[in-house]
Protein backbone atom coordinates (compact mmCIF):
# COMPACT_ATOMS: atom_id res chain seq x y z
CA UNK A 1 -5.64 6.99 10.42
CA UNK A 2 -9.02 5.52 11.45
CA UNK A 3 -9.20 3.67 8.13
CA UNK A 4 -5.70 2.31 8.64
CA UNK A 5 -6.44 1.09 12.17
CA UNK A 6 -9.54 -0.67 10.86
CA UNK A 7 -7.45 -2.31 8.14
CA UNK A 8 -4.87 -3.51 10.68
CA UNK A 9 -7.64 -4.88 12.90
CA UNK A 10 -9.03 -6.88 9.99
CA UNK A 11 -5.56 -8.19 9.14
CA UNK A 12 -5.08 -9.21 12.76
CA UNK A 13 -8.31 -11.22 12.71
CA UNK A 14 -7.21 -12.88 9.47
CA UNK A 15 -3.82 -14.00 10.73
CA UNK A 16 -5.35 -15.43 13.92
CA UNK A 17 -7.91 -17.30 11.82
CA UNK A 18 -5.28 -18.67 9.41
CA UNK A 19 -3.02 -19.64 12.30
CA UNK A 20 -5.84 -21.58 13.90
CA UNK A 21 -6.46 -23.34 10.57
CA UNK A 22 -2.69 -23.98 10.17
CA UNK A 23 -2.93 -22.44 6.70
CA UNK A 24 0.68 -21.71 5.70
CA UNK A 25 -0.07 -20.35 2.24
CA UNK A 26 -2.68 -17.90 3.53
CA UNK A 27 -0.31 -16.62 6.23
CA UNK A 28 2.47 -16.27 3.67
CA UNK A 29 0.16 -14.24 1.45
CA UNK A 30 -0.87 -11.96 4.32
CA UNK A 31 2.78 -11.44 5.30
CA UNK A 32 3.70 -10.66 1.70
CA UNK A 33 0.91 -8.07 1.48
CA UNK A 34 1.96 -6.51 4.78
CA UNK A 35 5.57 -6.25 3.63
CA UNK A 36 4.49 -4.59 0.38
CA UNK A 37 2.37 -2.13 2.36
CA UNK A 38 5.32 -1.47 4.66
CA UNK A 39 7.62 -0.79 1.70
CA UNK A 40 5.08 1.61 0.16
CA UNK A 41 4.62 3.50 3.44
CA UNK A 42 8.39 3.69 3.96
CA UNK A 43 8.78 5.10 0.46
CA UNK A 44 6.11 7.71 1.15
CA UNK A 45 7.80 8.64 4.43
CA UNK A 46 11.11 9.07 2.62
CA UNK A 47 9.40 11.35 0.08
CA UNK A 48 7.77 13.42 2.84
CA UNK A 49 11.11 13.88 4.62
CA UNK A 50 12.74 14.82 1.31
CA UNK A 51 10.09 17.46 0.58
CA UNK A 52 10.39 18.90 4.08
CA UNK A 53 14.16 19.25 3.71
CA UNK A 54 13.74 21.02 0.36
CA UNK A 55 11.96 23.98 1.94
CA UNK A 56 13.83 23.86 5.22
CA UNK A 57 16.25 26.57 4.04
CA UNK A 58 13.45 29.14 3.87
CA UNK A 59 12.80 28.78 7.62
CA UNK A 60 9.07 29.37 7.15
CA UNK A 61 7.22 28.89 10.43
CA UNK A 62 4.06 26.80 10.31
CA UNK A 63 1.43 26.93 13.05
CA UNK A 64 -0.85 24.09 14.10
CA UNK A 65 -3.83 26.20 13.03
CA UNK A 66 -2.80 25.83 9.40
CA UNK A 67 -2.83 22.01 9.48
CA UNK A 68 -5.76 20.73 7.45
CA UNK A 69 -4.74 17.31 6.25
CA UNK A 70 -7.69 15.10 5.27
CA UNK A 71 -7.32 11.35 5.51
CA UNK A 72 -6.05 9.92 2.24
CA UNK A 73 -5.62 6.45 0.79
CA UNK A 74 -2.21 5.23 -0.32
CA UNK A 75 -2.57 6.13 -4.01
CA UNK A 76 -3.89 9.60 -3.18
CA UNK A 77 -0.90 10.27 -0.93
CA UNK A 78 1.55 9.11 -3.62
CA UNK A 79 -0.13 11.36 -6.18
CA UNK A 80 -0.10 14.33 -3.79
CA UNK A 81 3.60 13.88 -2.95
CA UNK A 82 4.51 13.56 -6.61
CA UNK A 83 2.62 16.76 -7.42
CA UNK A 84 4.64 18.64 -4.79
CA UNK A 85 8.04 17.35 -5.89
CA UNK A 86 8.67 19.67 -8.87
CA UNK A 87 7.15 22.64 -7.04
CA UNK A 88 9.25 22.18 -3.89
CA UNK A 89 12.42 21.52 -5.89
CA UNK A 90 11.73 24.82 -7.64
CA UNK A 91 11.29 26.58 -4.31
CA UNK A 92 14.56 25.04 -3.10
CA UNK A 93 16.39 26.63 -6.03
CA UNK A 94 14.78 30.02 -5.32
CA UNK A 95 16.00 32.43 -2.69
CA UNK A 96 13.57 33.29 0.11
CA UNK A 97 13.62 36.95 -0.94
CA UNK A 98 12.32 36.01 -4.40
CA UNK A 99 9.27 34.16 -3.08
CA UNK A 100 5.99 36.08 -3.31
CA UNK A 101 3.21 36.02 -0.69
CA UNK A 102 1.16 33.37 -2.54
CA UNK A 103 4.18 31.07 -2.73
CA UNK A 104 4.97 31.55 0.96
CA UNK A 105 1.34 30.86 1.91
CA UNK A 106 1.40 27.74 -0.26
CA UNK A 107 4.61 26.53 1.42
CA UNK A 108 3.12 27.14 4.88
CA UNK A 109 -0.01 25.17 4.05
CA UNK A 110 1.72 22.22 2.37
CA UNK A 111 4.52 22.18 4.93
CA UNK A 112 1.92 21.83 7.69
CA UNK A 113 0.24 18.99 5.79
CA UNK A 114 3.58 17.25 5.28
CA UNK A 115 4.44 17.49 8.98
CA UNK A 116 1.06 15.96 9.83
CA UNK A 117 1.48 13.27 7.18
CA UNK A 118 4.94 12.42 8.55
CA UNK A 119 3.37 11.78 11.97
CA UNK A 120 0.64 9.63 10.39
CA UNK A 121 3.13 7.56 8.40
CA UNK A 122 5.36 7.00 11.41
CA UNK A 123 2.36 5.78 13.44
CA UNK A 124 1.23 3.53 10.59
CA UNK A 125 4.69 2.02 10.23
CA UNK A 126 4.71 1.24 13.94
CA UNK A 127 1.38 -0.58 13.66
CA UNK A 128 2.64 -2.46 10.60
CA UNK A 129 5.91 -3.44 12.28
CA UNK A 130 3.95 -4.88 15.19
CA UNK A 131 1.59 -6.94 13.06
CA UNK A 132 4.38 -8.08 10.72
CA UNK A 133 6.29 -9.36 13.76
CA UNK A 134 3.17 -11.13 15.03
CA UNK A 135 2.45 -12.69 11.63
CA UNK A 136 6.07 -13.84 11.32
CA UNK A 137 5.92 -15.55 14.72
CA UNK A 138 2.62 -17.28 13.93
CA UNK A 139 3.82 -18.33 10.48
CA UNK A 140 7.01 -19.77 12.00
CA UNK A 141 4.89 -21.72 14.47
CA UNK A 142 2.74 -23.22 11.69
CA UNK A 143 5.80 -23.99 9.56
CA UNK A 144 7.41 -25.79 12.47
CA UNK A 145 4.30 -27.90 12.99
CA UNK A 146 4.24 -28.79 9.30
CA UNK A 147 7.95 -29.61 9.40
CA UNK A 148 7.43 -31.93 12.36
CA UNK A 149 4.58 -33.64 10.56
CA UNK A 150 6.71 -34.31 7.48
CA UNK A 151 9.85 -35.45 9.36
CA UNK A 152 8.16 -37.31 12.22
CA UNK A 153 9.07 -34.87 14.98
CA UNK A 154 11.85 -32.57 13.74
CA UNK A 155 11.23 -28.84 13.71
CA UNK A 156 13.01 -26.44 11.35
CA UNK A 157 15.88 -25.81 13.76
CA UNK A 158 16.45 -29.55 14.22
CA UNK A 159 16.40 -30.17 10.45
CA UNK A 160 18.86 -27.33 9.98
CA UNK A 161 21.18 -28.84 12.58
CA UNK A 162 21.18 -32.16 10.72
CA UNK A 163 21.97 -30.37 7.47
CA UNK A 164 24.93 -28.57 9.06
CA UNK A 165 26.22 -31.89 10.40
CA UNK A 166 26.13 -33.25 6.85
CA UNK A 167 27.20 -30.28 4.70
CA UNK A 168 28.69 -27.66 7.00
CA UNK A 169 27.34 -24.17 6.37
CA UNK A 170 26.90 -24.47 2.60
CA UNK A 171 26.43 -26.76 -0.38
CA UNK A 172 28.59 -25.59 -3.29
CA UNK A 173 27.44 -26.01 -6.89
CA UNK A 174 24.76 -24.78 -9.24
CA UNK A 175 21.27 -23.91 -8.03
CA UNK A 176 19.87 -27.15 -9.44
CA UNK A 177 22.69 -29.51 -8.44
CA UNK A 178 22.80 -28.17 -4.88
CA UNK A 179 19.03 -28.38 -4.55
CA UNK A 180 19.05 -32.00 -5.75
CA UNK A 181 21.79 -32.86 -3.26
CA UNK A 182 19.83 -31.34 -0.38
CA UNK A 183 16.61 -33.06 -1.42
CA UNK A 184 18.39 -36.43 -1.60
CA UNK A 185 19.77 -35.89 1.90
CA UNK A 186 16.34 -34.98 3.28
CA UNK A 187 14.79 -38.09 1.74
CA UNK A 188 17.46 -40.39 3.17
CA UNK A 189 17.81 -38.73 6.58
CA UNK A 190 14.12 -38.42 7.40
CA UNK A 191 12.74 -41.32 5.37
CA UNK A 192 10.41 -39.18 3.27
CA UNK A 193 9.26 -39.38 -0.33
CA UNK A 194 9.87 -37.03 -3.26
CA UNK A 195 6.70 -35.03 -2.66
CA UNK A 196 7.48 -34.42 1.01
CA UNK A 197 11.14 -33.62 0.33
CA UNK A 198 10.05 -31.00 -2.23
CA UNK A 199 7.63 -29.50 0.30
CA UNK A 200 10.32 -29.52 2.98
CA UNK A 201 13.03 -27.81 0.92
CA UNK A 202 10.51 -25.17 -0.19
CA UNK A 203 9.60 -24.66 3.47
CA UNK A 204 13.27 -24.27 4.43
CA UNK A 205 13.86 -21.77 1.63
CA UNK A 206 10.78 -19.68 2.47
CA UNK A 207 11.85 -19.67 6.12
CA UNK A 208 15.27 -18.35 5.00
CA UNK A 209 16.87 -21.38 6.61
CA UNK A 210 18.60 -21.98 3.30
CA UNK A 211 19.21 -19.60 0.42
CA UNK A 212 21.19 -19.73 -2.81
CA UNK A 213 23.85 -17.10 -3.51
CA UNK A 214 25.58 -16.69 -6.86
CA UNK A 215 29.34 -16.36 -7.23
CA UNK A 216 29.80 -13.80 -10.00
CA UNK A 217 32.74 -14.88 -12.22
CA UNK A 218 35.69 -12.56 -12.75
CA UNK A 219 35.19 -12.58 -16.52
CA UNK A 220 31.97 -11.39 -18.14
CA UNK A 221 30.67 -14.75 -19.38
CA UNK A 222 27.71 -14.46 -16.98
CA UNK A 223 26.46 -11.30 -18.62
CA UNK A 224 26.35 -12.86 -22.08
CA UNK A 225 23.52 -15.01 -20.78
CA UNK A 226 21.66 -12.45 -18.71
CA UNK A 227 18.67 -12.45 -21.09
CA UNK A 228 18.06 -16.09 -20.23
CA UNK A 229 17.82 -15.51 -16.50
CA UNK A 230 19.36 -17.94 -14.04
CA UNK A 231 18.35 -21.17 -15.78
CA UNK A 232 21.07 -23.82 -15.54
CA UNK A 233 20.19 -25.04 -19.05
CA UNK A 234 21.74 -21.89 -20.50
CA UNK A 235 24.70 -21.21 -18.24
CA UNK A 236 26.17 -23.13 -15.29
CA UNK A 237 25.67 -20.48 -12.61
CA UNK A 238 27.99 -21.43 -9.78
CA UNK A 239 27.34 -20.48 -6.20
CA UNK A 240 26.24 -22.19 -3.02
CA UNK A 241 23.20 -23.03 -0.96
CA UNK A 242 23.93 -21.39 2.39
CA UNK A 243 22.57 -22.99 5.53
CA UNK A 244 21.65 -20.31 8.04
CA UNK A 245 21.91 -21.56 11.60
């Protein structure tokens, strides 16, 4: 846990530094890394809970004295949990009466470690949630400043409002055609060039102000082209750019 707190402290310094520098890309990278870490920890927590429920039927009491859980790094924890999976699933399929003393002692020891690890993971997730929220707020602040700079005073919310006035809540069409239509509007409405309009639409998409959703056709024509991905050159994927107010 000490290692994790130190890591969070370093991340906190980084996001404050990048916010001061108004470095959007660096903040986006930090947020992406934090979200990946969060997903990995959540997965580990789910595995721990699963393992605990597997041996719950045996009602084996664990005392605090038996808890000896050394601090582990992420990969070590994943490896440890994976090593327990087959063993605990085997115990789950075995009646308590058929367990020998060594197996019961093993369950007690590992159960105690799992309970301790569950507490650790829950604390770590809380720390991560806090810093992810902070990073998101600071990133939004920097994005808004950049948006104002490009549009001569309009923040993301104001740009979104203008888009809704023009298009409603969505722009129907293919990914490419809808994107071109939005870019053209941004250029005309805010008097910006191609480079800035590209930067602005990317900013809006990364901020989840706009996002493209596919309408899956009733027939299976879409699936004939799945190996090509979503490229419009291969199949006219129809959907809409949704504007999230």
